[in-house]
PDB file of N, CA and C in Angstrom:
ATOM      1  N   MET A   1     -12.055  15.167  10.932  1.00  0.00           N
ATOM      2  CA  MET A   1     -10.714  14.413  11.110  1.00  0.00           C
ATOM      3  C   MET A   1      -9.463  15.498  11.786  1.00  0.00           C
ATOM      4  N   THR A   2      -8.463  15.121  12.580  1.00  0.00           N
ATOM      5  CA  THR A   2      -7.342  15.272  13.023  1.00  0.00           C
ATOM      6  C   THR A   2      -6.325  15.700  11.833  1.00  0.00           C
ATOM      7  N   LEU A   3      -5.684  16.556  12.232  1.00  0.00           N
ATOM      8  CA  LEU A   3      -4.048  16.762  11.509  1.00  0.00           C
ATOM      9  C   LEU A   3      -3.420  15.229  11.325  1.00  0.00           C
ATOM     10  N   THR A   4      -3.194  14.908  12.383  1.00  0.00           N
ATOM     11  CA  THR A   4      -2.431  13.409  12.578  1.00  0.00           C
ATOM     12  C   THR A   4      -3.401  12.206  11.578  1.00  0.00           C
ATOM     13  N   MET A   5      -4.066  12.272  11.775  1.00  0.00           N
ATOM     14  CA  MET A   5      -5.158  11.388  10.923  1.00  0.00           C
ATOM     15  C   MET A   5      -5.007  11.703   9.260  1.00  0.00           C
ATOM     16  N   LEU A   6      -4.971  12.804   8.983  1.00  0.00           N
ATOM     17  CA  LEU A   6      -4.735  13.174   7.567  1.00  0.00           C
ATOM     18  C   LEU A   6      -3.384  13.199   7.250  1.00  0.00           C
ATOM     19  N   LEU A   7      -2.691  13.165   7.777  1.00  0.00           N
ATOM     20  CA  LEU A   7      -1.135  12.906   7.727  1.00  0.00           C
ATOM     21  C   LEU A   7      -0.831  11.294   7.656  1.00  0.00           C
ATOM     22  N   LEU A   8      -1.232  10.624   8.573  1.00  0.00           N
ATOM     23  CA  LEU A   8      -1.223   9.202   8.284  1.00  0.00           C
ATOM     24  C   LEU A   8      -1.832   8.455   7.102  1.00  0.00           C
ATOM     25  N   ILE A   9      -2.748   9.382   6.544  1.00  0.00           N
ATOM     26  CA  ILE A   9      -3.374   8.847   5.166  1.00  0.00           C
ATOM     27  C   ILE A   9      -2.593   9.031   3.904  1.00  0.00           C
ATOM     28  N   LEU A  10      -2.158  10.304   4.280  1.00  0.00           N
ATOM     29  CA  LEU A  10      -1.193  10.907   3.118  1.00  0.00           C
ATOM     30  C   LEU A  10      -0.138   9.897   3.091  1.00  0.00           C
ATOM     31  N   LEU A  11       0.588   9.660   4.206  1.00  0.00           N
ATOM     32  CA  LEU A  11       1.542   8.765   4.318  1.00  0.00           C
ATOM     33  C   LEU A  11       1.411   7.514   3.687  1.00  0.00           C
ATOM     34  N   LEU A  12       0.307   6.757   3.885  1.00  0.00           N
ATOM     35  CA  LEU A  12      -0.009   5.794   3.448  1.00  0.00           C
ATOM     36  C   LEU A  12      -0.207   5.572   2.008  1.00  0.00           C
ATOM     37  N   PHE A  13      -0.721   6.996   1.476  1.00  0.00           N
ATOM     38  CA  PHE A  13      -0.974   6.644  -0.139  1.00  0.00           C
ATOM     39  C   PHE A  13       0.143   7.099  -0.531  1.00  0.00           C
ATOM     40  N   ILE A  14       1.280   7.715  -0.210  1.00  0.00           N
ATOM     41  CA  ILE A  14       2.475   8.232  -0.927  1.00  0.00           C
ATOM     42  C   ILE A  14       3.172   6.855  -0.937  1.00  0.00           C
ATOM     43  N   VAL A  15       3.359   6.126   0.356  1.00  0.00           N
ATOM     44  CA  VAL A  15       4.003   4.644   0.495  1.00  0.00           C
ATOM     45  C   VAL A  15       3.516   3.754  -0.718  1.00  0.00           C
ATOM     46  N   THR A  16       1.717   3.521  -0.733  1.00  0.00           N
ATOM     47  CA  THR A  16       1.549   2.701  -1.706  1.00  0.00           C
ATOM     48  C   THR A  16       1.522   3.020  -3.107  1.00  0.00           C
ATOM     49  N   LEU A  17       1.501   4.211  -3.466  1.00  0.00           N
ATOM     50  CA  LEU A  17       2.243   4.679  -4.582  1.00  0.00           C
ATOM     51  C   LEU A  17       3.597   4.615  -4.924  1.00  0.00           C
ATOM     52  N   LEU A  18       4.495   4.816  -4.233  1.00  0.00           N
ATOM     53  CA  LEU A  18       5.586   4.474  -4.315  1.00  0.00           C
ATOM     54  C   LEU A  18       6.134   3.221  -4.835  1.00  0.00           C
ATOM     55  N   VAL A  19       5.415   2.065  -3.839  1.00  0.00           N
ATOM     56  CA  VAL A  19       5.356   0.619  -4.138  1.00  0.00           C
ATOM     57  C   VAL A  19       4.964   0.194  -5.553  1.00  0.00           C
ATOM     58  N   GLY A  20       3.932   0.734  -5.740  1.00  0.00           N
ATOM     59  CA  GLY A  20       3.044   0.376  -6.995  1.00  0.00           C
ATOM     60  C   GLY A  20       4.170   1.087  -8.263  1.00  0.00           C
ATOM     61  N   VAL A  21       4.821   2.269  -8.192  1.00  0.00           N
ATOM     62  CA  VAL A  21       5.542   2.420  -9.231  1.00  0.00           C
ATOM     63  C   VAL A  21       6.946   1.785  -9.359  1.00  0.00           C
ATOM     64  N   GLY A  22       7.326   1.399  -7.897  1.00  0.00           N
ATOM     65  CA  GLY A  22       8.696   0.630  -8.123  1.00  0.00           C
ATOM     66  C   GLY A  22       8.233  -1.010  -8.756  1.00  0.00           C
ATOM     67  N   ALA A  23       7.260  -1.405  -8.302  1.00  0.00           N
ATOM     68  CA  ALA A  23       6.866  -2.696  -8.802  1.00  0.00           C
ATOM     69  C   ALA A  23       6.420  -2.709 -10.240  1.00  0.00           C
ATOM     70  N   LEU A  24       5.898  -1.514 -11.101  1.00  0.00           N
ATOM     71  CA  LEU A  24       5.673  -1.309 -12.081  1.00  0.00           C
ATOM     72  C   LEU A  24       7.471  -1.527 -13.049  1.00  0.00           C
ATOM     73  N   VAL A  25       8.084  -0.378 -12.358  1.00  0.00           N
ATOM     74  CA  VAL A  25       9.542  -0.466 -13.132  1.00  0.00           C
ATOM     75  C   VAL A  25      10.179  -1.916 -12.892  1.00  0.00           C
ATOM     76  N   LEU A  26      10.066  -2.430 -11.811  1.00  0.00           N
ATOM     77  CA  LEU A  26      10.462  -3.780 -11.665  1.00  0.00           C
ATOM     78  C   LEU A  26      10.109  -4.968 -13.117  1.00  0.00           C
ATOM     79  N   LEU A  27       8.751  -4.768 -13.001  1.00  0.00           N
ATOM     80  CA  LEU A  27       8.083  -5.725 -13.853  1.00  0.00           C
ATOM     81  C   LEU A  27       8.405  -5.565 -15.376  1.00  0.00           C
ATOM     82  N   ARG A  28       8.662  -4.285 -15.697  1.00  0.00           N
ATOM     83  CA  ARG A  28       9.051  -3.825 -17.152  1.00  0.00           C
ATOM     84  C   ARG A  28      10.423  -4.499 -17.348  1.00  0.00           C
ATOM     85  N   HIS A  29      11.368  -4.582 -16.168  1.00  0.00           N
ATOM     86  CA  HIS A  29      12.870  -4.736 -16.311  1.00  0.00           C
ATOM     87  C   HIS A  29      13.071  -6.621 -16.339  1.00  0.00           C
ATOM     88  N   GLN A  30      12.265  -6.886 -15.393  1.00  0.00           N
ATOM     89  CA  GLN A  30      12.011  -8.394 -15.046  1.00  0.00           C
ATOM     90  C   GLN A  30      10.636  -8.970 -15.214  1.00  0.00           C
ATOM     91  N   PRO A  31      10.077  -9.438 -16.418  1.00  0.00           N
ATOM     92  CA  PRO A  31       9.344  -9.657 -16.614  1.00  0.00           C
ATOM     93  C   PRO A  31       8.827 -11.121 -15.956  1.00  0.00           C
ATOM     94  N   ALA A  32       9.944 -12.118 -15.707  1.00  0.00           N
ATOM     95  CA  ALA A  32       9.869 -13.000 -15.041  1.00  0.00           C
ATOM     96  C   ALA A  32       9.256 -13.029 -13.470  1.00  0.00           C
ATOM     97  N   TRP A  33       9.710 -12.184 -13.180  1.00  0.00           N
ATOM     98  CA  TRP A  33       9.262 -11.882 -11.406  1.00  0.00           C
ATOM     99  C   TRP A  33       7.680 -11.344 -11.409  1.00  0.00           C
ATOM    100  N   SER A  34       6.658 -11.246 -12.334  1.00  0.00           N
ATOM    101  CA  SER A  34       5.528 -10.763 -12.197  1.00  0.00           C
ATOM    102  C   SER A  34       4.785 -11.568 -10.961  1.00  0.00           C
ATOM    103  N   VAL A  35       4.742 -13.239 -10.838  1.00  0.00           N
ATOM    104  CA  VAL A  35       4.140 -13.789  -9.832  1.00  0.00           C
ATOM    105  C   VAL A  35       4.370 -13.291  -8.412  1.00  0.00           C
ATOM    106  N   PRO A  36       5.834 -13.525  -8.293  1.00  0.00           N
ATOM    107  CA  PRO A  36       6.015 -12.970  -6.682  1.00  0.00           C
ATOM    108  C   PRO A  36       5.828 -11.445  -6.519  1.00  0.00           C
ATOM    109  N   VAL A  37       5.746 -10.701  -7.363  1.00  0.00           N
ATOM    110  CA  VAL A  37       5.625  -9.054  -7.238  1.00  0.00           C
ATOM    111  C   VAL A  37       4.222  -8.954  -7.092  1.00  0.00           C
ATOM    112  N   THR A  38       3.439  -9.433  -7.816  1.00  0.00           N
ATOM    113  CA  THR A  38       1.940  -9.499  -7.895  1.00  0.00           C
ATOM    114  C   THR A  38       1.413  -9.983  -6.443  1.00  0.00           C
ATOM    115  N   GLY A  39       2.045 -11.285  -5.944  1.00  0.00           N
ATOM    116  CA  GLY A  39       1.809 -11.554  -4.682  1.00  0.00           C
ATOM    117  C   GLY A  39       2.215 -10.752  -3.525  1.00  0.00           C
ATOM    118  N   ALA A  40       3.113 -10.014  -3.516  1.00  0.00           N
ATOM    119  CA  ALA A  40       3.751  -9.136  -2.588  1.00  0.00           C
ATOM    120  C   ALA A  40       2.753  -7.814  -2.854  1.00  0.00           C
ATOM    121  N   LEU A  41       2.248  -7.233  -3.790  1.00  0.00           N
ATOM    122  CA  LEU A  41       1.478  -6.297  -3.864  1.00  0.00           C
ATOM    123  C   LEU A  41       0.048  -6.698  -3.203  1.00  0.00           C
ATOM    124  N   ALA A  42      -0.577  -7.686  -3.416  1.00  0.00           N
ATOM    125  CA  ALA A  42      -1.707  -8.228  -2.918  1.00  0.00           C
ATOM    126  C   ALA A  42      -1.376  -8.405  -1.337  1.00  0.00           C
ATOM    127  N   VAL A  43      -0.552  -8.770  -0.876  1.00  0.00           N
ATOM    128  CA  VAL A  43      -0.076  -8.605   0.559  1.00  0.00           C
ATOM    129  C   VAL A  43      -0.465  -7.529   1.194  1.00  0.00           C
ATOM    130  N   MET A  44       0.525  -6.567   0.462  1.00  0.00           N
ATOM    131  CA  MET A  44       0.792  -5.251   1.097  1.00  0.00           C
ATOM    132  C   MET A  44      -0.812  -4.235   0.940  1.00  0.00           C
ATOM    133  N   MET A  45      -1.279  -4.689   0.027  1.00  0.00           N
ATOM    134  CA  MET A  45      -3.039  -3.813  -0.139  1.00  0.00           C
ATOM    135  C   MET A  45      -3.818  -4.588   1.084  1.00  0.00           C
ATOM    136  N   LEU A  46      -3.838  -5.704   1.340  1.00  0.00           N
ATOM    137  CA  LEU A  46      -4.329  -6.699   2.109  1.00  0.00           C
ATOM    138  C   LEU A  46      -4.029  -5.848   3.667  1.00  0.00           C
ATOM    139  N   MET A  47      -2.704  -5.395   3.816  1.00  0.00           N
ATOM    140  CA  MET A  47      -2.329  -5.100   5.140  1.00  0.00           C
ATOM    141  C   MET A  47      -2.849  -3.514   5.156  1.00  0.00           C
ATOM    142  N   ALA A  48      -2.810  -2.702   4.104  1.00  0.00           N
ATOM    143  CA  ALA A  48      -3.098  -1.446   4.204  1.00  0.00           C
ATOM    144  C   ALA A  48      -4.522  -1.528   4.591  1.00  0.00           C
ATOM    145  N   THR A  49      -5.849  -2.487   3.555  1.00  0.00           N
ATOM    146  CA  THR A  49      -7.069  -2.262   4.296  1.00  0.00           C
ATOM    147  C   THR A  49      -7.236  -2.690   5.528  1.00  0.00           C
ATOM    148  N   VAL A  50      -6.326  -3.769   6.183  1.00  0.00           N
ATOM    149  CA  VAL A  50      -6.631  -4.212   7.544  1.00  0.00           C
ATOM    150  C   VAL A  50      -6.199  -3.089   8.629  1.00  0.00           C
ATOM    151  N   THR A  51      -5.054  -2.382   8.464  1.00  0.00           N
ATOM    152  CA  THR A  51      -4.776  -0.744   8.760  1.00  0.00           C
ATOM    153  C   THR A  51      -5.888  -0.280   8.838  1.00  0.00           C
ATOM    154  N   GLY A  52      -6.673   0.032   7.871  1.00  0.00           N
ATOM    155  CA  GLY A  52      -7.521   1.022   7.570  1.00  0.00           C
ATOM    156  C   GLY A  52      -8.540   1.001   8.157  1.00  0.00           C
ATOM    157  N   LEU A  53      -9.028  -0.381   8.106  1.00  0.00           N
ATOM    158  CA  LEU A  53     -10.374  -0.814   9.034  1.00  0.00           C
ATOM    159  C   LEU A  53     -10.266  -0.896  10.594  1.00  0.00           C
ATOM    160  N   LEU A  54      -8.873  -1.453  10.602  1.00  0.00           N
ATOM    161  CA  LEU A  54      -8.504  -1.116  12.483  1.00  0.00           C
ATOM    162  C   LEU A  54      -8.542  -0.058  12.986  1.00  0.00           C
ATOM    163  N   VAL A  55      -8.021   1.129  12.139  1.00  0.00           N
ATOM    164  CA  VAL A  55      -8.322   2.819  12.553  1.00  0.00           C
ATOM    165  C   VAL A  55      -9.609   3.241  12.594  1.00  0.00           C
ATOM    166  N   ALA A  56     -10.271   2.905  11.445  1.00  0.00           N
ATOM    167  CA  ALA A  56     -11.900   3.087  11.819  1.00  0.00           C
ATOM    168  C   ALA A  56     -12.431   2.367  12.622  1.00  0.00           C
ATOM    169  N   VAL A  57     -12.236   1.326  12.996  1.00  0.00           N
ATOM    170  CA  VAL A  57     -13.097   0.746  13.930  1.00  0.00           C
ATOM    171  C   VAL A  57     -12.786   1.345  15.595  1.00  0.00           C
ATOM    172  N   THR A  58     -11.298   1.772  15.631  1.00  0.00           N
ATOM    173  CA  THR A  58     -11.255   2.040  17.071  1.00  0.00           C
ATOM    174  C   THR A  58     -11.473   3.502  17.243  1.00  0.00           C
ATOM    175  N   ARG A  59     -11.435   4.289  15.878  1.00  0.00           N
ATOM    176  CA  ARG A  59     -12.019   5.627  15.962  1.00  0.00           C
ATOM    177  C   ARG A  59     -13.309   6.097  16.370  1.00  0.00           C
ATOM    178  N   SER A  60     -14.366   5.073  16.108  1.00  0.00           N
ATOM    179  CA  SER A  60     -15.759   5.223  15.897  1.00  0.00           C
ATOM    180  C   SER A  60     -16.317   4.586  17.422  1.00  0.00           C
TER     181      SER A  60
END
């Protein structure tokens, strides 16, 4: 793995972690928003998975 790939993986991990923590804080303060936040997190995870698959396919 090149340094660029490792940095992109680290960046994706940090962004995902920050969004997850932000969603947790939001849900603790606004429980009524649980459905939209859950949907947004699902879409974010789907986008991260598709991006990872595209990177893996184009690198091999």
